[in-house]
Structure formats: structure tokens, C-alpha cells
Amino acid sequence: MPRTSAVSSKRPPPQPTRARLFIIFGDQLDLDAALLRSLGPDDTVLMMEVVAESRHVPSHTQRTALFLSAMRHFAAELTQRKIRVRYITLDDPENTGSFATEIARAIAAIKPSEIVCTHPGEWRVLAMLKRAGDSSGLPLTVLQDGHFLTTSEEFAAWAKDRTSLTMEFFYREQRRKTGYLVEGEDKHAKPVGGEWNFDKENRLPFGKMGPEPRPRPPLSFKPDATTRAVFSAMQRVLPDLPGQAESFAWPVTRDQALAALDDFLTHRLARFGPFEDAMWTGEPTLYHSTLSASLNLKLLNPRECCERAIAAYHAGKAPLQSVEAFVRQIIGWREFIRGIYWLEGPTYADRNGLDQHGTLPHFYWTADTDMACMKACIGQVLETGFGHHIQRLMVTGNFALISGVRPRAVSDWYLGMFVDGIDWVTLPNALGMVMHADRRERANKGITGLVGTKPYAASGKYIQRMSNYCTDCRYDPAERAGPKACPVTVFYWDFLIRSRDALAQNQRMAMILNNVDRLTPQTRTQITVDANLLRRKLGIDRG
């Protein structure tokens, strides 16, 4: 007998290989992900377009289209790489409409030995995956998301013994860890330019003539055949989503996202820092990047964004204050927010630290309001699914905070109405930073917020200082009583009066609350009455 036959007769017969099921969600479109590197020739990638994800919270039509188009382009790239993909389209007649049932259907068809996925961006989805593993009896392997610079375990270790989770201190450690804009190494590293943070220099308003030179609009991308097919499917399956579709111009591929990054670095980064808090009518982007959606879908990597910006600084193409501000947003704030999300757990979403229960005004869905600032900021969200961070925090967010809207209604609106909305980033920003709803007791510091150490509440005079929205508005931001009283100003003072006791222990609020204490009893009563009437008029008091 041939030697090979003799050897083979002593071994058990080969067992059939059972494929593994790799699940990729719409915010995991990273071609360099560890998950893809672990794929075997018999494994299958499952990608799903499901109706439930656009109705979990009302999703802007451009947000839904961006996710689905980017997913289809990504799946096509995988197929081109000879990777087996099971792709469920929105209008597939057998589509069951939810992640859970589509995963169960894929398990029945493929009969895998294991479920593998990258860590999802939402507690809800992680819980669903665990249930899918339990119900199928299959092991579930959840891989770390290498897109981020800090794991949730590393953040928890950093936060463990701290009485205050201050983003600035986390950011400085991130700078030392990455070596970005520092001189020296490890604990001895010092910031380039002598300052860790140039935020004080980055709060400039525009003059009466507005931004000069006029900012170049972000690079736009005409919908291709794939994107047009997505919109066609949405018209049949999801015809009633909020927002407008006509202006869709978002990057949906890795190459387009890189082109958008180049465009920002070349045309807007240099002036981003000084004017990052400014606003102007008819200029929805100004010098901002609009890269957050591409980052959150994983079409861009945060490291490449930071390193390209730092290279621009070293080449003399952008000043340090602008580059530092951009880097801080990515390795500081973005990573800090994600750490908070996974640290605080799934009950975080239901916190209501200031005990506010109002209904979100209807004009958040229509922009039908005579307040010029709200009409401008909400109008551009409806048109494009985008607003830069100061519009989110100090206009639409500020109004919801000071008027007394329920925090969960606000965080759901931000999640669904912005193209970059993903729960891990939207929830802590909206619930914590905007609504100051995640308050907790801190040793020797009273009750403060977890994400924001004080509520970011402002009157109409702040909006007047940082924008030209008030120029042609029927309301006067300096007035808090009478027919010309600005609703933002009325609600601001009412908020301070209503929240006086809740904020009394917050040391950062002491000077502001002293101004409340100087009001006469008659003035406080009039403000309260006017605010209640205004809430009733806007439908906020129906919560």
C-alpha cells in the first residue's frame, strides 16, 4: 500500500467545515477591521437593511439613505474581494424588518458554528446579539472595535478612582498616549505651543460683514446609481421619514470620505479654530469639517484625520489653535463621550437629572417658527441632516433645555435627525452635555453633571453675540417681558428660577444664580407666568 494510504487510514475522517456568521452593521464599514482579517474561506458576512432601524427613532431620510448607500457600496467592495456576503436589502420581499429575525433567518440558512461581530455602537444592539446567541445556542464572539483609540475597559480603569470625569484631563492623557502635538515622551510630554487647549482663543464672533473670506462649501457628491436605488427603495418602504432628500450630497464610500477630508484640510481647517463657535445665516457649515458621519460610519479613521491635520500644521498650512481644536474634538471629546456611554450602562438613557417632562415642540420637525435662530438651525437640519456643534448645543439644544423638554425626547431627536447620529455619540452629548440630565453627587463639589459640569444655558443675548440670527428677528434678545420679548431669554430666566434649588450646590453656577436672587419677587413671578403661557402656546407643557 502506498505510504499515504497507510497514514490516512489511521486518522479520523475529515469533518465538514461549519461556516461562521460574521455580522457587520451600518456603522462598521471599516475595510481594515480585525473582523475582516479573521474571515475564513467558508465564512459568510451578513449585512442587513431593516425597517425597524429607521423607526426605532424617526430617522431623517438622508440619515437612512447615507447608512444604506454606504452599506451597499461596502458590500460591493467585499464581494469584489471574493468575500461571501449575505446582503438583505430594504425592499427584499423576504425581509422581516428587524435585526433579530434576519439573524435568525441567516442562522437557519447557513447553519454556522459561531456568530462573530465587532462591538456594536449601541447597548440595544449588543443586547439583541446576546439574545440571538442564546436562542440559537451558538457561541457569540464580540471583537474590540479597533477604530477607537481607547477601549471601554481602558476608559473604565481611567475613571475608576476619579471623583470627577473631566474631559480635559482625559484629553491630555490621550495626547501623551498618541504623541499628537506634544514634545517629549510619556508623562514628561509637554504640549506644543505651551498650552494643552486653545479654547479661549477660539470663541470669536464674526463682525457685521460676516465671515471673510466666505467659507468654501464642503465637497459634495452627486448620488450615483447605488444611492439612487436606495432612495427608490425608501420611497416604497419608508415613504414617511422626516427631512428632505433633494440635497443629498454625503460621501458614501471610503474614497469619497478621503476626498472630503482633503477638502476640509485644504479649504477650512485654517480658520476652523477661531470661529468654531460662530454662526451665520445662510452658512450652515462655515469652517467646520462635516466629517463626523464618515468617522462614525468608519469610512474614515480618527488617526488619519488627526495626523493629516497635524501634518498641515507642520507644513505651515494651518495654525496651531485650529489644528489643536480639531484634534481635541476627535481624540478628546469623541473618545471621552464613547467612554461615558459604555461606562454608564443601558439605564443612562432614561436619566432626567433636572426633572423636566415637556413635549418637544412641533417646529423641531417642521422649522415652522418665527424665532429666526431656531428657524435657521432646524431648517438646515431638515434640509441636510446636519448642524455644527454650536448650533446643536447653544441653539436647538439650549432651547430644549431651558424650556423644560423631557431629555429622552431630545436625545431621540438628535439620534434620528442628524446624519452622524449613532447612540454611543448622540446620547451622552444630548442627554449629558445639552440637557444636563446625567447629574450626580461628586465628593466636595455638590451635584454636577457627569458630561457637563454645568448646564449650557444661555439667553438670546448669547445668540445675538455669536451670530446674525437676531438681526431680522421679530423678537428682541434683550427683552424678557412684553410683546417683543425673546422666547429664548424668557425661558432662560425661567429655567434659572425653576432650577434654583437643583443647581444651588454647583459652584460654577454661583455667580449666575446670584443674578436670579437680585430679581424682585414681582419680576420672578412675571417671568414664570410668561414662560408658562409660552410653553402652553408651543405645546411644551403637554409632557
Protein backbone atom coordinates (compact mmCIF):
# COMPACT_ATOMS: atom_id res chain seq x y z
CA MET A 1 0.00 0.00 0.00
CA PRO A 2 1.16 3.47 -0.66
CA ARG A 3 2.52 5.25 2.39
CA THR A 4 -0.10 7.98 2.13
CA SER A 5 -2.91 5.44 2.32
CA ALA A 6 -1.43 3.79 5.38
CA VAL A 7 -1.12 7.12 7.17
CA SER A 8 -4.57 8.33 6.26
CA SER A 9 -6.18 5.10 7.44
CA LYS A 10 -5.07 5.83 10.99
CA ARG A 11 -6.75 9.27 11.13
CA PRO A 12 -10.44 10.01 11.67
CA PRO A 13 -12.26 11.06 8.52
CA PRO A 14 -12.24 14.84 7.99
CA GLN A 15 -15.24 16.66 9.44
CA PRO A 16 -17.20 19.07 7.27
CA THR A 17 -16.25 22.68 7.96
CA ARG A 18 -19.05 24.73 9.52
CA ALA A 19 -19.01 28.32 8.42
CA ARG A 20 -19.07 31.17 10.86
CA LEU A 21 -21.56 34.03 10.54
CA PHE A 22 -19.89 37.46 10.65
CA ILE A 23 -22.30 40.35 11.23
CA ILE A 24 -21.44 43.85 10.04
CA PHE A 25 -23.72 46.76 10.94
CA GLY A 26 -24.08 50.05 9.09
CA ASP A 27 -21.71 51.94 11.38
CA GLN A 28 -18.90 49.37 10.96
CA LEU A 29 -17.80 49.97 7.39
CA ASP A 30 -14.07 49.62 8.11
CA LEU A 31 -12.18 47.73 5.42
CA ASP A 32 -9.21 47.34 7.77
CA ALA A 33 -11.23 45.96 10.69
CA ALA A 34 -9.90 42.97 12.63
CA LEU A 35 -13.19 41.21 11.87
CA LEU A 36 -12.45 41.11 8.15
CA ARG A 37 -8.91 39.92 8.76
CA SER A 38 -10.27 36.91 10.65
CA LEU A 39 -12.60 35.76 7.88
CA GLY A 40 -12.08 32.25 6.52
CA PRO A 41 -13.00 30.99 3.04
CA ASP A 42 -16.17 29.28 4.32
CA ASP A 43 -17.42 32.19 6.43
CA THR A 44 -20.31 34.47 5.49
CA VAL A 45 -20.74 38.18 6.16
CA LEU A 46 -24.30 39.22 6.98
CA MET A 47 -25.39 42.80 6.31
CA MET A 48 -28.98 43.92 6.82
CA GLU A 49 -31.15 46.85 5.82
CA VAL A 50 -34.13 46.72 8.17
CA VAL A 51 -37.14 48.97 8.56
CA ALA A 52 -37.01 48.88 12.35
CA GLU A 53 -33.76 50.85 12.42
CA SER A 54 -35.38 53.84 10.72
CA ARG A 55 -38.40 53.67 13.01
CA HIS A 56 -36.65 52.95 16.33
CA VAL A 57 -36.49 56.72 16.45
CA PRO A 58 -37.81 58.76 13.48
CA SER A 59 -34.79 58.82 11.17
CA HIS A 60 -34.05 61.66 8.76
CA THR A 61 -34.40 60.47 5.18
CA GLN A 62 -30.79 61.49 4.44
CA ARG A 63 -29.50 59.66 7.51
CA THR A 64 -31.22 56.46 6.41
CA ALA A 65 -30.07 56.88 2.80
CA LEU A 66 -26.48 57.54 3.90
CA PHE A 67 -26.33 54.39 6.00
CA LEU A 68 -27.90 52.19 3.34
CA SER A 69 -25.92 53.55 0.40
CA ALA A 70 -22.63 53.30 2.30
CA MET A 71 -23.54 49.74 3.29
CA ARG A 72 -24.27 48.73 -0.31
CA HIS A 73 -21.01 50.21 -1.55
CA PHE A 74 -19.13 48.45 1.25
CA ALA A 75 -20.80 45.12 0.48
CA ALA A 76 -19.86 45.52 -3.19
CA GLU A 77 -16.24 46.02 -2.14
CA LEU A 78 -16.34 42.85 -0.03
CA THR A 79 -17.82 40.89 -2.93
CA GLN A 80 -15.08 42.20 -5.19
CA ARG A 81 -12.59 40.82 -2.66
CA LYS A 82 -14.20 37.39 -3.05
CA ILE A 83 -15.83 37.51 0.39
CA ARG A 84 -19.16 35.71 0.68
CA VAL A 85 -21.83 38.29 1.58
CA ARG A 86 -25.45 37.68 2.52
CA TYR A 87 -27.00 41.10 1.96
CA ILE A 88 -30.62 41.82 2.84
CA THR A 89 -31.96 44.86 1.02
CA LEU A 90 -34.71 47.08 2.34
CA ASP A 91 -37.17 46.02 -0.34
CA ASP A 92 -36.29 42.31 -0.37
CA PRO A 93 -39.73 40.59 -0.31
CA GLU A 94 -38.45 38.17 2.34
CA ASN A 95 -37.03 40.94 4.55
CA THR A 96 -38.52 40.52 8.03
CA GLY A 97 -37.78 44.10 9.07
CA SER A 98 -35.60 43.61 12.16
CA PHE A 99 -32.05 42.61 13.02
CA ALA A 100 -33.13 39.77 15.32
CA THR A 101 -35.33 37.99 12.79
CA GLU A 102 -32.86 38.48 9.94
CA ILE A 103 -30.07 36.98 12.05
CA ALA A 104 -32.31 34.03 12.91
CA ARG A 105 -33.13 33.58 9.22
CA ALA A 106 -29.44 33.66 8.30
CA ILE A 107 -28.62 31.08 11.00
CA ALA A 108 -31.31 28.76 9.66
CA ALA A 109 -29.96 29.09 6.12
CA ILE A 110 -26.22 28.92 6.80
CA LYS A 111 -26.14 26.74 9.93
CA PRO A 112 -22.99 28.41 11.25
CA SER A 113 -20.83 27.19 14.10
CA GLU A 114 -20.40 30.65 15.62
CA ILE A 115 -21.59 34.25 15.44
CA VAL A 116 -18.83 36.87 15.19
CA CYS A 117 -19.19 40.64 15.23
CA THR A 118 -17.35 43.83 16.08
CA HIS A 119 -18.55 45.54 19.25
CA PRO A 120 -21.69 47.47 18.23
CA GLY A 121 -22.29 51.14 18.92
CA GLU A 122 -25.45 50.72 20.97
CA TRP A 123 -26.49 48.89 24.12
CA ARG A 124 -29.75 47.87 22.44
CA VAL A 125 -27.93 46.13 19.60
CA LEU A 126 -25.46 44.42 21.91
CA ALA A 127 -28.36 43.01 23.97
CA MET A 128 -30.03 41.80 20.76
CA LEU A 129 -26.85 39.99 19.69
CA LYS A 130 -26.59 38.25 23.05
CA ARG A 131 -30.21 37.11 22.77
CA ALA A 132 -29.52 35.82 19.25
CA GLY A 133 -26.61 33.76 20.56
CA ASP A 134 -28.62 32.40 23.47
CA SER A 135 -31.69 31.50 21.40
CA SER A 136 -29.63 29.77 18.71
CA GLY A 137 -27.28 28.01 21.12
CA LEU A 138 -24.32 29.39 19.17
CA PRO A 139 -21.26 30.99 20.75
CA LEU A 140 -21.07 34.75 20.23
CA THR A 141 -17.67 36.37 19.79
CA VAL A 142 -17.62 40.16 20.12
CA LEU A 143 -14.38 41.71 18.89
CA GLN A 144 -12.94 45.01 20.10
CA ASP A 145 -13.53 47.91 17.74
CA GLY A 146 -10.01 48.90 16.72
CA HIS A 147 -11.33 52.10 15.16
CA PHE A 148 -11.16 53.79 18.56
CA LEU A 149 -8.01 54.79 20.43
CA THR A 150 -9.35 53.76 23.86
CA THR A 151 -11.30 50.62 24.75
CA SER A 152 -14.23 50.80 27.12
CA GLU A 153 -12.18 48.76 29.63
CA GLU A 154 -9.32 51.25 29.46
CA PHE A 155 -11.72 54.14 29.98
CA ALA A 156 -13.34 52.40 32.95
CA ALA A 157 -9.89 51.89 34.50
CA TRP A 158 -9.09 55.57 33.96
CA ALA A 159 -12.41 56.62 35.54
CA LYS A 160 -12.38 54.15 38.44
CA ASP A 161 -10.92 56.23 41.26
CA ARG A 162 -11.75 59.70 39.99
CA THR A 163 -14.26 61.92 41.74
CA SER A 164 -14.64 63.96 38.54
CA LEU A 165 -14.52 62.69 34.96
CA THR A 166 -13.11 65.80 33.37
CA MET A 167 -12.64 65.58 29.62
CA GLU A 168 -9.66 67.94 29.69
CA PHE A 169 -7.59 65.58 31.84
CA PHE A 170 -8.58 62.60 29.70
CA TYR A 171 -7.63 64.57 26.59
CA ARG A 172 -4.16 65.36 27.93
CA GLU A 173 -3.55 61.68 28.55
CA GLN A 174 -4.71 60.96 25.01
CA ARG A 175 -2.22 63.48 23.66
CA ARG A 176 0.61 61.84 25.59
CA LYS A 177 -0.55 58.37 24.55
CA THR A 178 -0.68 59.21 20.84
CA GLY A 179 2.20 61.67 20.75
CA TYR A 180 -0.02 64.16 18.92
CA LEU A 181 1.16 67.77 19.27
CA VAL A 182 3.49 67.04 22.18
CA GLU A 183 7.21 67.34 22.79
CA GLY A 184 8.89 64.66 24.86
CA GLU A 185 7.55 61.25 25.83
CA ASP A 186 5.11 59.63 28.25
CA LYS A 187 4.40 61.55 31.49
CA HIS A 188 7.05 64.13 30.69
CA ALA A 189 5.48 65.12 27.36
CA LYS A 190 4.63 68.81 27.08
CA PRO A 191 2.18 70.40 24.65
CA VAL A 192 3.48 72.04 21.51
CA GLY A 193 2.97 75.78 21.87
CA GLY A 194 2.94 75.61 25.66
CA GLU A 195 -0.81 75.11 26.06
CA TRP A 196 -2.91 71.94 26.02
CA ASN A 197 -6.02 73.78 24.95
CA PHE A 198 -6.55 76.96 22.93
CA ASP A 199 -10.31 77.07 23.52
CA LYS A 200 -10.21 80.59 24.98
CA GLU A 201 -8.85 81.86 21.68
CA ASN A 202 -11.48 80.00 19.67
CA ARG A 203 -14.66 81.86 20.58
CA LEU A 204 -14.59 84.72 18.12
CA PRO A 205 -17.81 86.03 16.58
CA PHE A 206 -17.89 87.45 13.08
CA GLY A 207 -18.10 91.18 12.51
CA LYS A 208 -21.09 92.87 10.96
CA MET A 209 -19.93 91.81 7.49
CA GLY A 210 -19.92 88.14 8.40
CA PRO A 211 -17.25 85.54 7.68
CA GLU A 212 -14.41 86.81 5.48
CA PRO A 213 -13.28 85.27 3.28
CA ARG A 214 -16.52 83.45 2.66
CA PRO A 215 -16.07 79.79 3.55
CA ARG A 216 -15.94 77.34 0.69
CA PRO A 217 -18.84 74.85 0.94
CA PRO A 218 -17.85 71.24 1.65
CA LEU A 219 -17.17 68.98 -1.29
CA SER A 220 -20.44 67.43 -2.43
CA PHE A 221 -21.05 64.06 -4.05
CA LYS A 222 -23.80 63.54 -6.59
CA PRO A 223 -25.87 60.42 -5.85
CA ASP A 224 -24.73 57.53 -8.02
CA ALA A 225 -26.80 54.58 -9.24
CA THR A 226 -26.46 52.79 -5.90
CA THR A 227 -27.64 55.80 -3.90
CA ARG A 228 -30.50 56.40 -6.34
CA ALA A 229 -31.55 52.76 -5.91
CA VAL A 230 -31.58 53.27 -2.15
CA PHE A 231 -33.85 56.31 -2.43
CA SER A 232 -36.14 54.36 -4.76
CA ALA A 233 -36.42 51.53 -2.22
CA MET A 234 -37.05 54.03 0.58
CA GLN A 235 -39.90 55.63 -1.36
CA ARG A 236 -41.60 52.25 -1.47
CA VAL A 237 -40.82 51.01 2.04
CA LEU A 238 -40.16 54.14 4.13
CA PRO A 239 -42.08 56.93 2.40
CA ASP A 240 -42.87 58.96 5.52
CA LEU A 241 -39.46 59.67 7.04
CA PRO A 242 -38.81 63.25 8.19
CA GLY A 243 -36.42 65.60 6.43
CA GLN A 244 -35.74 66.40 2.79
CA ALA A 245 -33.92 64.18 0.30
CA GLU A 246 -33.19 66.56 -2.58
CA SER A 247 -29.90 67.99 -1.29
CA PHE A 248 -28.25 64.63 -0.50
CA ALA A 249 -24.52 65.00 -1.22
CA TRP A 250 -22.79 62.96 1.52
CA PRO A 251 -19.75 60.73 0.91
CA VAL A 252 -20.83 57.10 0.75
CA THR A 253 -17.50 55.38 0.01
CA ARG A 254 -14.04 55.34 1.51
CA ASP A 255 -12.61 57.22 -1.48
CA GLN A 256 -15.26 59.93 -1.23
CA ALA A 257 -14.68 60.29 2.52
CA LEU A 258 -10.95 60.74 1.92
CA ALA A 259 -11.74 63.40 -0.69
CA ALA A 260 -13.96 65.17 1.88
CA LEU A 261 -11.10 65.06 4.39
CA ASP A 262 -8.72 66.59 1.82
CA ASP A 263 -11.28 69.30 1.08
CA PHE A 264 -11.59 70.28 4.74
CA LEU A 265 -7.84 70.32 5.35
CA THR A 266 -7.25 72.43 2.25
CA HIS A 267 -10.10 74.92 2.46
CA ARG A 268 -11.47 75.25 6.01
CA LEU A 269 -9.13 73.90 8.69
CA ALA A 270 -7.02 77.07 8.91
CA ARG A 271 -9.99 79.20 10.04
CA PHE A 272 -11.84 76.47 11.92
CA GLY A 273 -10.37 77.18 15.37
CA PRO A 274 -11.01 80.89 15.91
CA PHE A 275 -14.58 80.74 14.57
CA GLU A 276 -15.72 77.28 15.67
CA ASP A 277 -18.39 78.80 17.96
CA ALA A 278 -19.68 81.38 15.47
CA MET A 279 -22.90 81.16 13.44
CA TRP A 280 -24.18 82.98 10.38
CA THR A 281 -27.40 82.95 8.36
CA GLY A 282 -27.11 81.04 5.11
CA GLU A 283 -23.78 79.49 6.13
CA PRO A 284 -24.67 76.09 7.65
CA THR A 285 -21.11 74.76 7.57
CA LEU A 286 -18.78 77.77 7.88
CA TYR A 287 -15.30 76.36 8.57
CA HIS A 288 -16.43 73.07 10.11
CA SER A 289 -15.41 69.72 8.68
CA THR A 290 -18.73 67.78 8.29
CA LEU A 291 -16.58 64.61 8.65
CA SER A 292 -18.40 63.22 11.69
CA ALA A 293 -20.73 60.99 9.64
CA SER A 294 -17.82 59.44 7.74
CA LEU A 295 -15.96 58.91 11.01
CA ASN A 296 -18.96 57.34 12.70
CA LEU A 297 -19.62 55.00 9.76
CA LYS A 298 -15.88 54.09 9.90
CA LEU A 299 -15.22 55.28 6.36
CA LEU A 300 -12.51 57.44 7.95
CA ASN A 301 -10.11 56.53 10.73
CA PRO A 302 -9.59 59.06 13.55
CA ARG A 303 -5.83 58.56 13.44
CA GLU A 304 -5.53 59.54 9.80
CA CYS A 305 -7.71 62.62 10.35
CA CYS A 306 -5.54 63.83 13.23
CA GLU A 307 -2.25 63.00 11.56
CA ARG A 308 -3.21 64.73 8.33
CA ALA A 309 -4.25 67.86 10.28
CA ILE A 310 -1.01 67.84 12.28
CA ALA A 311 0.94 67.49 9.05
CA ALA A 312 -0.86 70.62 7.77
CA TYR A 313 0.30 72.47 10.89
CA HIS A 314 3.92 71.39 10.42
CA ALA A 315 3.73 72.40 6.77
CA GLY A 316 2.58 75.89 7.78
CA LYS A 317 -0.86 75.45 6.18
CA ALA A 318 -2.94 75.73 9.37
CA PRO A 319 -2.33 77.46 12.72
CA LEU A 320 -1.86 75.51 15.92
CA GLN A 321 -5.08 76.77 17.52
CA SER A 322 -7.16 75.32 14.65
CA VAL A 323 -5.32 72.02 14.48
CA GLU A 324 -5.41 71.55 18.26
CA ALA A 325 -9.16 72.23 18.29
CA PHE A 326 -9.76 69.64 15.57
CA VAL A 327 -7.56 67.03 17.28
CA ARG A 328 -9.30 67.70 20.61
CA GLN A 329 -12.71 67.04 19.07
CA ILE A 330 -11.55 63.66 17.79
CA ILE A 331 -9.18 62.11 20.35
CA GLY A 332 -10.55 64.07 23.30
CA TRP A 333 -14.27 64.68 23.13
CA ARG A 334 -15.23 61.83 20.78
CA GLU A 335 -13.35 59.18 22.75
CA PHE A 336 -14.47 60.62 26.10
CA ILE A 337 -18.14 60.54 25.08
CA ARG A 338 -17.87 56.92 23.94
CA GLY A 339 -16.20 56.01 27.23
CA ILE A 340 -19.04 57.61 29.20
CA TYR A 341 -21.65 55.76 27.14
CA TRP A 342 -20.25 52.29 27.87
CA LEU A 343 -19.29 53.15 31.44
CA GLU A 344 -22.75 54.28 32.49
CA GLY A 345 -24.76 51.36 31.15
CA PRO A 346 -28.10 50.93 29.38
CA THR A 347 -30.12 52.82 32.02
CA TYR A 348 -28.21 56.02 31.25
CA ALA A 349 -30.71 56.90 28.51
CA ASP A 350 -33.57 57.36 30.98
CA ARG A 351 -31.88 59.82 33.35
CA ASN A 352 -33.67 63.10 33.99
CA GLY A 353 -31.49 64.96 36.47
CA LEU A 354 -33.42 68.23 36.31
CA ASP A 355 -36.83 66.52 36.34
CA GLN A 356 -38.09 68.03 33.07
CA HIS A 357 -41.04 66.45 31.26
CA GLY A 358 -42.15 68.80 28.47
CA THR A 359 -43.01 67.73 24.92
CA LEU A 360 -40.59 68.57 22.12
CA PRO A 361 -42.21 71.44 20.17
CA HIS A 362 -43.69 70.50 16.82
CA PHE A 363 -41.48 73.01 15.00
CA TYR A 364 -38.48 70.74 15.61
CA TRP A 365 -39.98 68.65 12.80
CA THR A 366 -41.07 71.50 10.53
CA ALA A 367 -38.95 74.63 11.28
CA ASP A 368 -42.29 76.49 11.29
CA THR A 369 -41.44 79.13 13.89
CA ASP A 370 -40.98 82.91 13.98
CA MET A 371 -37.78 82.63 16.04
CA ALA A 372 -35.07 83.35 13.46
CA CYS A 373 -32.35 81.32 15.20
CA MET A 374 -34.50 78.20 15.54
CA LYS A 375 -35.89 78.54 12.03
CA ALA A 376 -32.37 78.73 10.57
CA CYS A 377 -30.84 75.91 12.61
CA ILE A 378 -33.75 73.48 12.40
CA GLY A 379 -34.36 74.37 8.76
CA GLN A 380 -30.87 73.31 7.76
CA VAL A 381 -31.22 70.06 9.74
CA LEU A 382 -34.40 69.25 7.83
CA GLU A 383 -32.71 70.15 4.54
CA THR A 384 -29.36 68.38 5.03
CA GLY A 385 -29.35 66.35 8.25
CA PHE A 386 -26.50 68.48 9.58
CA GLY A 387 -25.79 71.24 12.07
CA HIS A 388 -22.44 72.10 13.56
CA HIS A 389 -21.76 71.63 17.25
CA ILE A 390 -22.52 75.16 18.47
CA GLN A 391 -25.89 75.16 16.70
CA ARG A 392 -26.69 71.84 18.37
CA LEU A 393 -25.55 72.89 21.83
CA MET A 394 -26.43 76.57 22.06
CA VAL A 395 -29.47 76.95 19.79
CA THR A 396 -31.61 73.83 19.32
CA GLY A 397 -30.26 72.17 22.46
CA ASN A 398 -30.31 75.27 24.62
CA PHE A 399 -33.95 75.97 23.74
CA ALA A 400 -34.96 72.42 24.67
CA LEU A 401 -33.08 72.65 27.97
CA ILE A 402 -34.38 76.00 29.17
CA SER A 403 -37.97 75.41 28.01
CA GLY A 404 -38.18 72.18 30.03
CA VAL A 405 -38.38 69.40 27.42
CA ARG A 406 -38.01 65.77 28.52
CA PRO A 407 -34.36 64.75 27.93
CA ARG A 408 -35.15 61.43 26.22
CA ALA A 409 -37.27 63.23 23.60
CA VAL A 410 -34.31 65.49 22.87
CA SER A 411 -31.73 62.72 22.64
CA ASP A 412 -34.02 60.72 20.34
CA TRP A 413 -34.41 63.75 18.07
CA TYR A 414 -30.65 64.20 17.84
CA LEU A 415 -30.15 60.49 17.18
CA GLY A 416 -32.61 60.37 14.30
CA MET A 417 -32.34 63.79 12.68
CA PHE A 418 -28.59 64.10 12.14
CA VAL A 419 -26.71 62.04 9.58
CA ASP A 420 -23.95 61.31 12.12
CA GLY A 421 -26.41 60.06 14.74
CA ILE A 422 -25.30 56.86 16.50
CA ASP A 423 -26.34 56.11 20.06
CA TRP A 424 -22.88 55.99 21.67
CA VAL A 425 -22.11 59.53 20.49
CA THR A 426 -25.56 61.12 20.41
CA LEU A 427 -26.86 60.05 23.81
CA PRO A 428 -24.11 61.42 26.09
CA ASN A 429 -23.89 64.61 24.02
CA ALA A 430 -27.64 65.25 24.07
CA LEU A 431 -28.57 63.85 27.47
CA GLY A 432 -25.43 64.95 29.30
CA MET A 433 -24.00 67.99 27.56
CA VAL A 434 -27.15 69.55 26.14
CA MET A 435 -29.79 68.64 28.72
CA HIS A 436 -27.61 68.35 31.85
CA ALA A 437 -29.73 65.35 32.75
CA ASP A 438 -26.98 62.98 33.94
CA ARG A 439 -26.33 64.80 37.21
CA ARG A 440 -24.75 63.01 40.13
CA GLU A 441 -23.22 63.75 43.52
CA ARG A 442 -19.48 64.44 43.46
CA ALA A 443 -17.29 64.49 46.52
CA ASN A 444 -16.89 68.05 47.87
CA LYS A 445 -18.33 69.53 44.67
CA GLY A 446 -22.06 69.20 45.15
CA ILE A 447 -24.34 67.92 42.42
CA THR A 448 -23.00 68.46 38.93
CA GLY A 449 -23.38 66.85 35.54
CA LEU A 450 -21.34 63.84 34.51
CA VAL A 451 -20.56 65.03 30.96
CA GLY A 452 -21.02 68.77 31.55
CA THR A 453 -20.05 70.32 34.86
CA LYS A 454 -22.74 72.96 34.46
CA PRO A 455 -25.82 73.41 32.27
CA TYR A 456 -25.05 75.19 28.99
CA ALA A 457 -27.98 77.55 29.31
CA ALA A 458 -27.96 80.94 27.59
CA SER A 459 -30.29 83.81 26.83
CA GLY A 460 -30.97 85.32 23.44
CA LYS A 461 -28.11 87.75 24.01
CA TYR A 462 -25.59 84.94 23.58
CA ILE A 463 -27.10 84.04 20.22
CA GLN A 464 -27.05 87.72 19.24
CA ARG A 465 -23.34 87.96 20.13
CA MET A 466 -22.29 84.82 18.23
CA SER A 467 -24.48 85.15 15.12
CA ASN A 468 -26.58 87.44 12.97
CA TYR A 469 -29.77 85.45 13.54
CA CYS A 470 -31.28 88.21 15.66
CA THR A 471 -30.79 90.96 13.05
CA ASP A 472 -34.13 90.49 11.29
CA CYS A 473 -35.97 88.58 14.03
CA ARG A 474 -39.22 89.98 15.37
CA TYR A 475 -38.00 89.38 18.93
CA ASP A 476 -35.53 91.43 20.94
CA PRO A 477 -32.95 89.24 22.73
CA ALA A 478 -32.54 91.85 25.46
CA GLU A 479 -36.22 91.75 26.38
CA ARG A 480 -37.70 89.22 28.81
CA ALA A 481 -41.18 90.77 29.07
CA GLY A 482 -43.65 92.26 26.64
CA PRO A 483 -44.63 91.53 23.02
CA LYS A 484 -41.02 91.71 21.73
CA ALA A 485 -39.58 89.52 24.47
CA CYS A 486 -37.31 86.85 23.03
CA PRO A 487 -38.61 83.36 23.94
CA VAL A 488 -35.02 82.21 24.47
CA THR A 489 -34.47 84.99 27.01
CA VAL A 490 -37.81 84.37 28.74
CA PHE A 491 -37.12 80.65 29.08
CA TYR A 492 -33.52 81.27 30.18
CA TRP A 493 -34.59 83.27 33.23
CA ASP A 494 -37.48 80.90 33.90
CA PHE A 495 -35.04 77.96 33.80
CA LEU A 496 -32.78 79.60 36.37
CA ILE A 497 -35.75 80.33 38.62
CA ARG A 498 -37.20 76.80 38.27
CA SER A 499 -33.83 75.12 38.74
CA ARG A 500 -32.54 77.41 41.50
CA ASP A 501 -32.57 74.74 44.20
CA ALA A 502 -31.34 71.93 41.95
CA LEU A 503 -28.33 73.99 40.86
CA ALA A 504 -27.57 75.64 44.19
CA GLN A 505 -24.75 73.25 45.08
CA ASN A 506 -23.00 73.66 41.74
CA GLN A 507 -20.11 76.03 42.37
CA ARG A 508 -19.88 77.02 38.70
CA MET A 509 -23.44 78.35 38.86
CA ALA A 510 -22.98 80.59 41.92
CA MET A 511 -22.46 83.89 40.07
CA ILE A 512 -25.32 83.24 37.67
CA LEU A 513 -27.71 82.30 40.46
CA ASN A 514 -26.78 85.49 42.29
CA ASN A 515 -28.33 87.36 39.38
CA VAL A 516 -31.55 85.40 39.92
CA ASP A 517 -31.54 86.31 43.60
CA ARG A 518 -31.37 90.00 42.68
CA LEU A 519 -34.69 89.82 40.84
CA THR A 520 -37.67 91.21 42.72
CA PRO A 521 -40.45 88.77 43.67
CA GLN A 522 -42.74 90.54 41.22
CA THR A 523 -40.25 90.11 38.37
CA ARG A 524 -39.74 86.41 39.13
CA THR A 525 -43.50 85.88 39.20
CA GLN A 526 -43.96 87.68 35.87
CA ILE A 527 -41.21 85.61 34.22
CA THR A 528 -42.77 82.39 35.50
CA VAL A 529 -46.24 83.37 34.25
CA ASP A 530 -44.93 84.41 30.83
CA ALA A 531 -42.88 81.23 30.46
CA ASN A 532 -45.86 79.04 31.36
CA LEU A 533 -48.02 80.82 28.79
CA LEU A 534 -45.29 80.40 26.19
CA ARG A 535 -44.93 76.70 26.99
CA ARG A 536 -48.66 76.26 26.57
CA LYS A 537 -48.62 78.14 23.26
CA LEU A 538 -45.80 75.94 21.91
CA GLY A 539 -47.29 72.69 23.22
CA ILE A 540 -44.34 72.02 25.51
CA ASP A 541 -46.44 71.67 28.65
CA ARG A 542 -48.25 68.60 27.32
CA GLY A 543 -45.49 66.27 28.55
